[in-house]
Amino acid sequence: MFTKTMLLMVCWAFSATVLAECVKTPNGKTVCDSGQTTGGYNPNTGKAWKAETNQRGVTTTETSRGGQAATKNGVGVVKTPGGQTCVKTRNNQGCN
């Protein structure tokens, strides 16, 4: 329980504002959104995430397990916690 509370507090700290609107989804996930920054925590899996959108419209997402993704208009790059990098373009996708 302590670990879940800490993860939720970390997501809260990364939010752009402490006054972000948070809702609990029907499947138990807590999701907060302040416009440019969103975050959430899934109590069923113990995983947390946060996402930020920059001025160019690129959304950068980080997970509590170390995964990272940068996406825009359905294309992007993902770096998994294990170090694998995957790319999705408009016409192709693949991992190294």
C-alpha atoms as a PDB file:
ATOM      1  CA  MET A   1       0.000   0.000   0.000  1.00  0.00           C
ATOM      2  CA  PHE A   2       2.872   2.371   0.847  1.00  0.00           C
ATOM      3  CA  THR A   3       4.448   1.827  -2.596  1.00  0.00           C
ATOM      4  CA  LYS A   4       1.179   2.589  -4.374  1.00  0.00           C
ATOM      5  CA  THR A   5       0.773   5.764  -2.344  1.00  0.00           C
ATOM      6  CA  MET A   6       4.322   6.854  -3.181  1.00  0.00           C
ATOM      7  CA  LEU A   7       3.772   6.272  -6.916  1.00  0.00           C
ATOM      8  CA  LEU A   8       0.614   8.347  -6.827  1.00  0.00           C
ATOM      9  CA  MET A   9       2.471  11.136  -5.025  1.00  0.00           C
ATOM     10  CA  VAL A  10       5.237  11.042  -7.652  1.00  0.00           C
ATOM     11  CA  CYS A  11       2.666  11.440 -10.444  1.00  0.00           C
ATOM     12  CA  TRP A  12       1.095  14.265  -8.515  1.00  0.00           C
ATOM     13  CA  ALA A  13       4.476  15.985  -8.087  1.00  0.00           C
ATOM     14  CA  PHE A  14       5.200  15.771 -11.826  1.00  0.00           C
ATOM     15  CA  SER A  15       1.908  17.432 -12.706  1.00  0.00           C
ATOM     16  CA  ALA A  16       2.127  20.947 -14.119  1.00  0.00           C
ATOM     17  CA  THR A  17      -0.172  22.131 -11.394  1.00  0.00           C
ATOM     18  CA  VAL A  18      -1.348  20.706  -8.108  1.00  0.00           C
ATOM     19  CA  LEU A  19      -4.887  21.764  -9.008  1.00  0.00           C
ATOM     20  CA  ALA A  20      -5.162  19.289 -11.870  1.00  0.00           C
ATOM     21  CA  GLU A  21      -8.529  17.632 -12.220  1.00  0.00           C
ATOM     22  CA  CYS A  22      -8.329  13.942 -11.270  1.00  0.00           C
ATOM     23  CA  VAL A  23     -10.951  11.288 -11.895  1.00  0.00           C
ATOM     24  CA  LYS A  24     -11.178   7.608 -11.089  1.00  0.00           C
ATOM     25  CA  THR A  25     -12.167   5.473 -14.071  1.00  0.00           C
ATOM     26  CA  PRO A  26     -14.594   2.531 -13.728  1.00  0.00           C
ATOM     27  CA  ASN A  27     -11.711   0.038 -13.883  1.00  0.00           C
ATOM     28  CA  GLY A  28      -9.913   1.672 -10.918  1.00  0.00           C
ATOM     29  CA  LYS A  29      -7.378   3.902 -12.705  1.00  0.00           C
ATOM     30  CA  THR A  30      -6.780   7.419 -11.397  1.00  0.00           C
ATOM     31  CA  VAL A  31      -6.151   9.908 -14.221  1.00  0.00           C
ATOM     32  CA  CYS A  32      -5.246  13.589 -13.769  1.00  0.00           C
ATOM     33  CA  ASP A  33      -5.217  16.232 -16.498  1.00  0.00           C
ATOM     34  CA  SER A  34      -4.125  19.868 -16.375  1.00  0.00           C
ATOM     35  CA  GLY A  35      -4.150  20.568 -20.104  1.00  0.00           C
ATOM     36  CA  GLN A  36      -0.485  20.170 -21.071  1.00  0.00           C
ATOM     37  CA  THR A  37       0.379  17.457 -18.533  1.00  0.00           C
ATOM     38  CA  THR A  38      -1.497  14.284 -17.683  1.00  0.00           C
ATOM     39  CA  GLY A  39      -0.723  11.454 -15.342  1.00  0.00           C
ATOM     40  CA  GLY A  40      -2.289   8.356 -13.944  1.00  0.00           C
ATOM     41  CA  TYR A  41      -1.957   5.366 -11.697  1.00  0.00           C
ATOM     42  CA  ASN A  42      -3.438   1.890 -12.065  1.00  0.00           C
ATOM     43  CA  PRO A  43      -3.924   0.263  -8.641  1.00  0.00           C
ATOM     44  CA  ASN A  44      -4.522  -3.138 -10.267  1.00  0.00           C
ATOM     45  CA  THR A  45      -1.054  -3.266 -11.821  1.00  0.00           C
ATOM     46  CA  GLY A  46       0.804  -0.813  -9.589  1.00  0.00           C
ATOM     47  CA  LYS A  47       2.004   1.174 -12.619  1.00  0.00           C
ATOM     48  CA  ALA A  48       2.062   4.959 -12.941  1.00  0.00           C
ATOM     49  CA  TRP A  49       2.611   7.199 -15.969  1.00  0.00           C
ATOM     50  CA  LYS A  50       2.872  10.840 -16.913  1.00  0.00           C
ATOM     51  CA  ALA A  51       2.690  12.610 -20.254  1.00  0.00           C
ATOM     52  CA  GLU A  52       3.576  16.135 -21.340  1.00  0.00           C
ATOM     53  CA  THR A  53       2.896  17.890 -24.639  1.00  0.00           C
ATOM     54  CA  ASN A  54       5.384  20.523 -25.806  1.00  0.00           C
ATOM     55  CA  GLN A  55       4.820  23.616 -27.969  1.00  0.00           C
ATOM     56  CA  ARG A  56       5.352  21.601 -31.170  1.00  0.00           C
ATOM     57  CA  GLY A  57       2.625  19.088 -30.272  1.00  0.00           C
ATOM     58  CA  VAL A  58       4.982  16.219 -29.383  1.00  0.00           C
ATOM     59  CA  THR A  59       3.731  14.156 -26.460  1.00  0.00           C
ATOM     60  CA  THR A  60       6.418  12.629 -24.254  1.00  0.00           C
ATOM     61  CA  THR A  61       5.249   9.815 -21.982  1.00  0.00           C
ATOM     62  CA  GLU A  62       7.186   8.158 -19.148  1.00  0.00           C
ATOM     63  CA  THR A  63       6.166   5.145 -17.084  1.00  0.00           C
ATOM     64  CA  SER A  64       7.100   4.145 -13.549  1.00  0.00           C
ATOM     65  CA  ARG A  65       8.860   1.078 -14.981  1.00  0.00           C
ATOM     66  CA  GLY A  66      11.246   3.164 -17.106  1.00  0.00           C
ATOM     67  CA  GLY A  67       9.561   3.168 -20.515  1.00  0.00           C
ATOM     68  CA  GLN A  68       9.588   6.342 -22.604  1.00  0.00           C
ATOM     69  CA  ALA A  69       7.724   7.372 -25.745  1.00  0.00           C
ATOM     70  CA  ALA A  70       7.651  10.477 -27.933  1.00  0.00           C
ATOM     71  CA  THR A  71       4.686  10.655 -30.323  1.00  0.00           C
ATOM     72  CA  LYS A  72       2.932  13.064 -32.669  1.00  0.00           C
ATOM     73  CA  ASN A  73       0.110  12.382 -35.125  1.00  0.00           C
ATOM     74  CA  GLY A  74       0.397   8.604 -34.758  1.00  0.00           C
ATOM     75  CA  VAL A  75       4.151   8.360 -35.364  1.00  0.00           C
ATOM     76  CA  GLY A  76       6.851   8.120 -32.746  1.00  0.00           C
ATOM     77  CA  VAL A  77       9.731   6.462 -30.953  1.00  0.00           C
ATOM     78  CA  VAL A  78       9.466   4.140 -27.941  1.00  0.00           C
ATOM     79  CA  LYS A  79      12.291   3.113 -25.605  1.00  0.00           C
ATOM     80  CA  THR A  80      11.384   0.125 -23.452  1.00  0.00           C
ATOM     81  CA  PRO A  81      12.671  -0.443 -19.906  1.00  0.00           C
ATOM     82  CA  GLY A  82      14.807  -3.255 -21.332  1.00  0.00           C
ATOM     83  CA  GLY A  83      16.618  -0.872 -23.697  1.00  0.00           C
ATOM     84  CA  GLN A  84      14.875  -1.813 -26.960  1.00  0.00           C
ATOM     85  CA  THR A  85      14.007   1.080 -29.290  1.00  0.00           C
ATOM     86  CA  CYS A  86      10.980   0.874 -31.579  1.00  0.00           C
ATOM     87  CA  VAL A  87       9.988   3.367 -34.272  1.00  0.00           C
ATOM     88  CA  LYS A  88       6.652   3.835 -36.036  1.00  0.00           C
ATOM     89  CA  THR A  89       6.544   6.011 -39.135  1.00  0.00           C
ATOM     90  CA  ARG A  90       3.596   6.739 -41.404  1.00  0.00           C
ATOM     91  CA  ASN A  91       4.470   3.772 -43.648  1.00  0.00           C
ATOM     92  CA  ASN A  92       6.555   1.416 -41.516  1.00  0.00           C
ATOM     93  CA  GLN A  93       7.304   0.203 -38.007  1.00  0.00           C
ATOM     94  CA  GLY A  94      10.018  -1.843 -36.372  1.00  0.00           C
ATOM     95  CA  CYS A  95      12.320  -2.427 -33.407  1.00  0.00           C
ATOM     96  CA  ASN A  96      16.035  -2.965 -33.085  1.00  0.00           C
END
